Amino acid sequence: MAILEHATRNMRAPAPAALLVCEHCDTVYRRRPLERGEVARCTRCGAELDRHRVLTTNALLALILTSMIVFVQANVWPIFTLGLNGQYRATTLWGMIDVMWQQDAQVVSVLAAATLFFFPMIKMLVMGWLLWFARAGRRAPGFAPLMVILHRIGPWTMSEVFVLGALVAIVKAHTFFDVAADPGIYAYGALTLLITIFSGVDMRQLWEQTPEPGA
């Protein structure tokens, strides 16, 4: 764990880009490069300030593009197939949402659509838009509000909850039906892994990596 040096009053103030402010207690530190595996924490409140960044902007953009391809496959391919008395029916995510809506579970269907489709899609599109311009060293149009949106929707991408719930449902339904997992559930599993990887990336680094227009 790395502890950043306090900015003191006796030293000449460094450039703004060299300062790091704790979001929790407003303590100001002088930034320094971190080695691989290092994490900088606030000495006052213990909050995480910064960590070594493994993925470059280009690598992260490639990861986002891969996630978008897998996302399309996960929503197009069937998730599982149910069989009873020789009759089989496959369903996709939107097929499940439609059934819940027709069964008077509108709240659950809206939440499922938002957390499994709209929020992940918005997050990937916003990150891709920001990173596409960041790779050229400049800020994307609408940079500030998009960064706020990215921060707000972060906790609402729940693909991992869906995959776990779907697997539990398949195991339990196997007692009454013939159940077979289809490619869509595997695509969602891969999407969950990809989302977990890029969700651990601190996008706040773009504030420092991309200069403000006119600065």
C-alpha atoms as a PDB file:
ATOM      1  CA  MET A   1       0.000   0.000   0.000  1.00  0.00           C
ATOM      2  CA  ALA A   2       1.358   3.394  -0.955  1.00  0.00           C
ATOM      3  CA  ILE A   3       0.805   6.569   1.048  1.00  0.00           C
ATOM      4  CA  LEU A   4       1.027   9.794  -0.889  1.00  0.00           C
ATOM      5  CA  GLU A   5       3.022  12.696   0.489  1.00  0.00           C
ATOM      6  CA  HIS A   6       1.090  15.571   2.071  1.00  0.00           C
ATOM      7  CA  ALA A   7       1.241  18.921   0.260  1.00  0.00           C
ATOM      8  CA  THR A   8       2.831  21.295   2.796  1.00  0.00           C
ATOM      9  CA  ARG A   9       2.570  25.038   3.156  1.00  0.00           C
ATOM     10  CA  ASN A  10       6.351  25.457   3.218  1.00  0.00           C
ATOM     11  CA  MET A  11       6.812  24.159  -0.303  1.00  0.00           C
ATOM     12  CA  ARG A  12       5.934  25.916  -3.492  1.00  0.00           C
ATOM     13  CA  ALA A  13       2.506  24.728  -4.701  1.00  0.00           C
ATOM     14  CA  PRO A  14       2.795  22.182  -7.520  1.00  0.00           C
ATOM     15  CA  ALA A  15       0.765  22.200 -10.679  1.00  0.00           C
ATOM     16  CA  PRO A  16      -2.914  21.245 -10.148  1.00  0.00           C
ATOM     17  CA  ALA A  17      -2.419  17.991 -12.065  1.00  0.00           C
ATOM     18  CA  ALA A  18       0.167  16.898  -9.448  1.00  0.00           C
ATOM     19  CA  LEU A  19      -2.291  17.221  -6.560  1.00  0.00           C
ATOM     20  CA  LEU A  20      -4.719  14.594  -5.349  1.00  0.00           C
ATOM     21  CA  VAL A  21      -7.642  15.398  -3.049  1.00  0.00           C
ATOM     22  CA  CYS A  22      -9.393  12.794  -0.893  1.00  0.00           C
ATOM     23  CA  GLU A  23     -13.093  12.731  -1.778  1.00  0.00           C
ATOM     24  CA  HIS A  24     -14.057  11.806   1.789  1.00  0.00           C
ATOM     25  CA  CYS A  25     -12.069  14.169   4.031  1.00  0.00           C
ATOM     26  CA  ASP A  26     -10.618  16.734   1.543  1.00  0.00           C
ATOM     27  CA  THR A  27      -7.018  16.050   2.553  1.00  0.00           C
ATOM     28  CA  VAL A  28      -4.618  17.192  -0.184  1.00  0.00           C
ATOM     29  CA  TYR A  29      -1.673  15.041  -1.297  1.00  0.00           C
ATOM     30  CA  ARG A  30       1.142  15.374  -3.770  1.00  0.00           C
ATOM     31  CA  ARG A  31       0.732  12.742  -6.469  1.00  0.00           C
ATOM     32  CA  ARG A  32       3.542  10.357  -7.296  1.00  0.00           C
ATOM     33  CA  PRO A  33       3.755   7.455  -9.779  1.00  0.00           C
ATOM     34  CA  LEU A  34       2.635   4.123  -8.334  1.00  0.00           C
ATOM     35  CA  GLU A  35       4.387   0.839  -8.908  1.00  0.00           C
ATOM     36  CA  ARG A  36       2.566  -2.264 -10.103  1.00  0.00           C
ATOM     37  CA  GLY A  37       0.154  -3.486  -7.432  1.00  0.00           C
ATOM     38  CA  GLU A  38       0.410  -0.332  -5.296  1.00  0.00           C
ATOM     39  CA  VAL A  39      -2.675   1.373  -3.883  1.00  0.00           C
ATOM     40  CA  ALA A  40      -2.593   4.904  -2.436  1.00  0.00           C
ATOM     41  CA  ARG A  41      -4.788   5.465   0.619  1.00  0.00           C
ATOM     42  CA  CYS A  42      -5.577   8.536   2.662  1.00  0.00           C
ATOM     43  CA  THR A  43      -3.622   8.668   5.944  1.00  0.00           C
ATOM     44  CA  ARG A  44      -6.522  10.419   7.665  1.00  0.00           C
ATOM     45  CA  CYS A  45      -9.580   8.347   6.732  1.00  0.00           C
ATOM     46  CA  GLY A  46      -8.086   5.350   4.929  1.00  0.00           C
ATOM     47  CA  ALA A  47     -10.077   5.900   1.716  1.00  0.00           C
ATOM     48  CA  GLU A  48      -8.576   4.721  -1.550  1.00  0.00           C
ATOM     49  CA  LEU A  49      -7.079   7.627  -3.492  1.00  0.00           C
ATOM     50  CA  ASP A  50      -5.450   5.999  -6.472  1.00  0.00           C
ATOM     51  CA  ARG A  51      -4.072   2.688  -7.687  1.00  0.00           C
ATOM     52  CA  HIS A  52      -1.667   1.487 -10.340  1.00  0.00           C
ATOM     53  CA  ARG A  53      -3.437   1.249 -13.683  1.00  0.00           C
ATOM     54  CA  VAL A  54      -2.755  -1.981 -15.543  1.00  0.00           C
ATOM     55  CA  LEU A  55      -4.970  -1.417 -18.589  1.00  0.00           C
ATOM     56  CA  THR A  56      -4.064   1.311 -21.052  1.00  0.00           C
ATOM     57  CA  THR A  57      -6.731   3.410 -22.760  1.00  0.00           C
ATOM     58  CA  ASN A  58      -6.472   1.368 -25.970  1.00  0.00           C
ATOM     59  CA  ALA A  59      -6.676  -1.932 -24.074  1.00  0.00           C
ATOM     60  CA  LEU A  60      -9.723  -0.730 -22.143  1.00  0.00           C
ATOM     61  CA  LEU A  61     -11.410   0.443 -25.340  1.00  0.00           C
ATOM     62  CA  ALA A  62     -10.801  -2.968 -26.922  1.00  0.00           C
ATOM     63  CA  LEU A  63     -12.326  -4.580 -23.830  1.00  0.00           C
ATOM     64  CA  ILE A  64     -15.414  -2.369 -24.119  1.00  0.00           C
ATOM     65  CA  LEU A  65     -15.862  -3.216 -27.800  1.00  0.00           C
ATOM     66  CA  THR A  66     -15.562  -6.925 -27.007  1.00  0.00           C
ATOM     67  CA  SER A  67     -18.150  -6.530 -24.239  1.00  0.00           C
ATOM     68  CA  MET A  68     -20.576  -4.850 -26.655  1.00  0.00           C
ATOM     69  CA  ILE A  69     -20.277  -7.747 -29.106  1.00  0.00           C
ATOM     70  CA  VAL A  70     -20.906 -10.285 -26.327  1.00  0.00           C
ATOM     71  CA  PHE A  71     -23.786  -8.119 -25.061  1.00  0.00           C
ATOM     72  CA  VAL A  72     -25.547  -8.332 -28.438  1.00  0.00           C
ATOM     73  CA  GLN A  73     -25.072 -12.102 -28.526  1.00  0.00           C
ATOM     74  CA  ALA A  74     -26.374 -12.499 -24.964  1.00  0.00           C
ATOM     75  CA  ASN A  75     -29.581 -10.646 -25.854  1.00  0.00           C
ATOM     76  CA  VAL A  76     -30.167 -12.358 -29.202  1.00  0.00           C
ATOM     77  CA  TRP A  77     -29.373 -15.963 -28.321  1.00  0.00           C
ATOM     78  CA  PRO A  78     -31.795 -18.071 -26.226  1.00  0.00           C
ATOM     79  CA  ILE A  79     -30.914 -18.344 -22.536  1.00  0.00           C
ATOM     80  CA  PHE A  80     -32.380 -21.783 -21.844  1.00  0.00           C
ATOM     81  CA  THR A  81     -34.875 -24.270 -23.215  1.00  0.00           C
ATOM     82  CA  LEU A  82     -37.738 -25.775 -21.196  1.00  0.00           C
ATOM     83  CA  GLY A  83     -39.251 -29.102 -22.146  1.00  0.00           C
ATOM     84  CA  LEU A  84     -42.453 -30.787 -20.906  1.00  0.00           C
ATOM     85  CA  ASN A  85     -44.269 -33.799 -22.386  1.00  0.00           C
ATOM     86  CA  GLY A  86     -42.133 -33.684 -25.499  1.00  0.00           C
ATOM     87  CA  GLN A  87     -42.742 -29.991 -26.157  1.00  0.00           C
ATOM     88  CA  TYR A  88     -39.760 -27.640 -25.974  1.00  0.00           C
ATOM     89  CA  ARG A  89     -39.593 -23.875 -25.893  1.00  0.00           C
ATOM     90  CA  ALA A  90     -36.519 -21.658 -25.856  1.00  0.00           C
ATOM     91  CA  THR A  91     -36.589 -18.154 -24.432  1.00  0.00           C
ATOM     92  CA  THR A  92     -34.400 -15.073 -24.559  1.00  0.00           C
ATOM     93  CA  LEU A  93     -33.980 -12.345 -21.954  1.00  0.00           C
ATOM     94  CA  TRP A  94     -36.662 -10.216 -23.599  1.00  0.00           C
ATOM     95  CA  GLY A  95     -38.951 -13.222 -23.790  1.00  0.00           C
ATOM     96  CA  MET A  96     -38.655 -13.595 -20.019  1.00  0.00           C
ATOM     97  CA  ILE A  97     -39.290  -9.881 -19.496  1.00  0.00           C
ATOM     98  CA  ASP A  98     -42.370 -10.038 -21.738  1.00  0.00           C
ATOM     99  CA  VAL A  99     -43.755 -13.021 -19.810  1.00  0.00           C
ATOM    100  CA  MET A 100     -43.265 -11.219 -16.480  1.00  0.00           C
ATOM    101  CA  TRP A 101     -45.061  -8.169 -17.866  1.00  0.00           C
ATOM    102  CA  GLN A 102     -48.024 -10.270 -19.020  1.00  0.00           C
ATOM    103  CA  GLN A 103     -48.154 -12.029 -15.642  1.00  0.00           C
ATOM    104  CA  ASP A 104     -48.786  -8.692 -13.868  1.00  0.00           C
ATOM    105  CA  ALA A 105     -45.202  -8.399 -12.619  1.00  0.00           C
ATOM    106  CA  GLN A 106     -44.576  -5.060 -14.308  1.00  0.00           C
ATOM    107  CA  VAL A 107     -42.261  -3.737 -11.593  1.00  0.00           C
ATOM    108  CA  VAL A 108     -40.012  -6.804 -11.788  1.00  0.00           C
ATOM    109  CA  SER A 109     -39.988  -6.726 -15.590  1.00  0.00           C
ATOM    110  CA  VAL A 110     -39.028  -3.034 -15.669  1.00  0.00           C
ATOM    111  CA  LEU A 111     -36.249  -3.590 -13.128  1.00  0.00           C
ATOM    112  CA  ALA A 112     -34.970  -6.575 -15.099  1.00  0.00           C
ATOM    113  CA  ALA A 113     -34.977  -4.603 -18.355  1.00  0.00           C
ATOM    114  CA  ALA A 114     -33.205  -1.655 -16.728  1.00  0.00           C
ATOM    115  CA  THR A 115     -30.508  -3.541 -14.812  1.00  0.00           C
ATOM    116  CA  LEU A 116     -29.838  -6.256 -17.398  1.00  0.00           C
ATOM    117  CA  PHE A 117     -30.168  -4.319 -20.643  1.00  0.00           C
ATOM    118  CA  PHE A 118     -30.440  -0.538 -20.507  1.00  0.00           C
ATOM    119  CA  PHE A 119     -27.953   0.282 -17.728  1.00  0.00           C
ATOM    120  CA  PRO A 120     -25.198  -2.066 -19.014  1.00  0.00           C
ATOM    121  CA  MET A 121     -25.759  -0.809 -22.562  1.00  0.00           C
ATOM    122  CA  ILE A 122     -25.582   2.846 -21.470  1.00  0.00           C
ATOM    123  CA  LYS A 123     -22.466   2.162 -19.420  1.00  0.00           C
ATOM    124  CA  MET A 124     -20.649   0.477 -22.304  1.00  0.00           C
ATOM    125  CA  LEU A 125     -21.688   3.135 -24.822  1.00  0.00           C
ATOM    126  CA  VAL A 126     -20.628   5.999 -22.533  1.00  0.00           C
ATOM    127  CA  MET A 127     -17.301   4.371 -21.679  1.00  0.00           C
ATOM    128  CA  GLY A 128     -16.645   3.618 -25.335  1.00  0.00           C
ATOM    129  CA  TRP A 129     -17.457   7.222 -26.317  1.00  0.00           C
ATOM    130  CA  LEU A 130     -15.179   8.677 -23.646  1.00  0.00           C
ATOM    131  CA  LEU A 131     -12.314   6.284 -24.351  1.00  0.00           C
ATOM    132  CA  TRP A 132     -12.529   6.801 -28.118  1.00  0.00           C
ATOM    133  CA  PHE A 133     -11.645  10.462 -27.669  1.00  0.00           C
ATOM    134  CA  ALA A 134      -9.271   9.820 -24.744  1.00  0.00           C
ATOM    135  CA  ARG A 135      -7.049   7.632 -26.925  1.00  0.00           C
ATOM    136  CA  ALA A 136      -6.393  10.762 -28.987  1.00  0.00           C
ATOM    137  CA  GLY A 137      -5.622  12.741 -25.826  1.00  0.00           C
ATOM    138  CA  ARG A 138      -8.746  14.906 -25.771  1.00  0.00           C
ATOM    139  CA  ARG A 139     -12.077  15.061 -23.987  1.00  0.00           C
ATOM    140  CA  ALA A 140     -15.222  13.786 -25.636  1.00  0.00           C
ATOM    141  CA  PRO A 141     -18.177  16.134 -26.218  1.00  0.00           C
ATOM    142  CA  GLY A 142     -20.344  16.134 -23.095  1.00  0.00           C
ATOM    143  CA  PHE A 143     -17.424  14.834 -21.036  1.00  0.00           C
ATOM    144  CA  ALA A 144     -18.458  16.168 -17.602  1.00  0.00           C
ATOM    145  CA  PRO A 145     -22.161  15.106 -17.612  1.00  0.00           C
ATOM    146  CA  LEU A 146     -21.248  11.722 -19.093  1.00  0.00           C
ATOM    147  CA  MET A 147     -18.738  11.114 -16.311  1.00  0.00           C
ATOM    148  CA  VAL A 148     -21.490  11.899 -13.799  1.00  0.00           C
ATOM    149  CA  ILE A 149     -23.882   9.467 -15.542  1.00  0.00           C
ATOM    150  CA  LEU A 150     -21.185   6.794 -15.525  1.00  0.00           C
ATOM    151  CA  HIS A 151     -20.744   7.249 -11.791  1.00  0.00           C
ATOM    152  CA  ARG A 152     -24.498   7.117 -11.096  1.00  0.00           C
ATOM    153  CA  ILE A 153     -25.328   3.973 -13.064  1.00  0.00           C
ATOM    154  CA  GLY A 154     -22.266   2.027 -11.917  1.00  0.00           C
ATOM    155  CA  PRO A 155     -24.010   0.113  -9.083  1.00  0.00           C
ATOM    156  CA  TRP A 156     -27.049  -0.698 -11.248  1.00  0.00           C
ATOM    157  CA  THR A 157     -25.437  -3.092 -13.727  1.00  0.00           C
ATOM    158  CA  MET A 158     -26.454  -6.444 -12.257  1.00  0.00           C
ATOM    159  CA  SER A 159     -25.590  -9.022 -14.908  1.00  0.00           C
ATOM    160  CA  GLU A 160     -23.781 -11.158 -12.328  1.00  0.00           C
ATOM    161  CA  VAL A 161     -26.954 -11.335 -10.189  1.00  0.00           C
ATOM    162  CA  PHE A 162     -28.947 -12.444 -13.224  1.00  0.00           C
ATOM    163  CA  VAL A 163     -26.460 -15.172 -14.185  1.00  0.00           C
ATOM    164  CA  LEU A 164     -26.422 -16.555 -10.641  1.00  0.00           C
ATOM    165  CA  GLY A 165     -30.235 -16.413 -10.402  1.00  0.00           C
ATOM    166  CA  ALA A 166     -30.641 -18.069 -13.805  1.00  0.00           C
ATOM    167  CA  LEU A 167     -28.326 -20.925 -12.848  1.00  0.00           C
ATOM    168  CA  VAL A 168     -30.231 -21.477  -9.594  1.00  0.00           C
ATOM    169  CA  ALA A 169     -33.545 -21.402 -11.499  1.00  0.00           C
ATOM    170  CA  ILE A 170     -32.252 -23.954 -14.029  1.00  0.00           C
ATOM    171  CA  VAL A 171     -31.204 -26.330 -11.258  1.00  0.00           C
ATOM    172  CA  LYS A 172     -34.550 -26.014  -9.449  1.00  0.00           C
ATOM    173  CA  ALA A 173     -36.664 -26.205 -12.604  1.00  0.00           C
ATOM    174  CA  HIS A 174     -34.902 -29.407 -13.612  1.00  0.00           C
ATOM    175  CA  THR A 175     -37.054 -31.190 -11.008  1.00  0.00           C
ATOM    176  CA  PHE A 176     -40.214 -30.461 -13.010  1.00  0.00           C
ATOM    177  CA  PHE A 177     -39.022 -29.800 -16.578  1.00  0.00           C
ATOM    178  CA  ASP A 178     -36.378 -30.838 -19.033  1.00  0.00           C
ATOM    179  CA  VAL A 179     -34.033 -27.847 -18.866  1.00  0.00           C
ATOM    180  CA  ALA A 180     -31.089 -27.171 -21.133  1.00  0.00           C
ATOM    181  CA  ALA A 181     -28.802 -24.149 -20.914  1.00  0.00           C
ATOM    182  CA  ASP A 182     -28.519 -22.341 -24.248  1.00  0.00           C
ATOM    183  CA  PRO A 183     -25.695 -20.157 -25.628  1.00  0.00           C
ATOM    184  CA  GLY A 184     -27.280 -16.969 -24.266  1.00  0.00           C
ATOM    185  CA  ILE A 185     -26.564 -17.887 -20.637  1.00  0.00           C
ATOM    186  CA  TYR A 186     -22.918 -18.589 -21.488  1.00  0.00           C
ATOM    187  CA  ALA A 187     -22.705 -15.265 -23.292  1.00  0.00           C
ATOM    188  CA  TYR A 188     -24.094 -13.575 -20.179  1.00  0.00           C
ATOM    189  CA  GLY A 189     -21.491 -15.389 -18.098  1.00  0.00           C
ATOM    190  CA  ALA A 190     -18.732 -14.036 -20.349  1.00  0.00           C
ATOM    191  CA  LEU A 191     -20.334 -10.578 -20.254  1.00  0.00           C
ATOM    192  CA  THR A 192     -20.379 -10.684 -16.456  1.00  0.00           C
ATOM    193  CA  LEU A 193     -16.647 -11.423 -16.420  1.00  0.00           C
ATOM    194  CA  LEU A 194     -15.913  -8.576 -18.846  1.00  0.00           C
ATOM    195  CA  ILE A 195     -18.086  -6.108 -16.928  1.00  0.00           C
ATOM    196  CA  THR A 196     -16.346  -7.090 -13.686  1.00  0.00           C
ATOM    197  CA  ILE A 197     -12.965  -6.369 -15.259  1.00  0.00           C
ATOM    198  CA  PHE A 198     -13.717  -2.909 -16.638  1.00  0.00           C
ATOM    199  CA  SER A 199     -15.896  -1.959 -13.674  1.00  0.00           C
ATOM    200  CA  GLY A 200     -12.763  -2.171 -11.548  1.00  0.00           C
ATOM    201  CA  VAL A 201     -11.104   0.532 -13.653  1.00  0.00           C
ATOM    202  CA  ASP A 202     -11.217   4.024 -12.175  1.00  0.00           C
ATOM    203  CA  MET A 203     -12.522   6.186 -15.015  1.00  0.00           C
ATOM    204  CA  ARG A 204     -11.653   9.309 -13.017  1.00  0.00           C
ATOM    205  CA  GLN A 205      -8.197   9.024 -14.530  1.00  0.00           C
ATOM    206  CA  LEU A 206      -9.644  10.566 -17.704  1.00  0.00           C
ATOM    207  CA  TRP A 207      -9.922  13.905 -15.894  1.00  0.00           C
ATOM    208  CA  GLU A 208      -6.123  13.963 -15.718  1.00  0.00           C
ATOM    209  CA  GLN A 209      -5.276  12.204 -18.969  1.00  0.00           C
ATOM    210  CA  THR A 210      -7.378  14.490 -21.144  1.00  0.00           C
ATOM    211  CA  PRO A 211      -6.797  18.269 -20.980  1.00  0.00           C
ATOM    212  CA  GLU A 212      -9.770  20.574 -20.711  1.00  0.00           C
ATOM    213  CA  PRO A 213     -10.528  22.382 -24.003  1.00  0.00           C
ATOM    214  CA  GLY A 214      -8.947  25.798 -24.020  1.00  0.00           C
ATOM    215  CA  ALA A 215      -6.628  24.957 -21.112  1.00  0.00           C
END
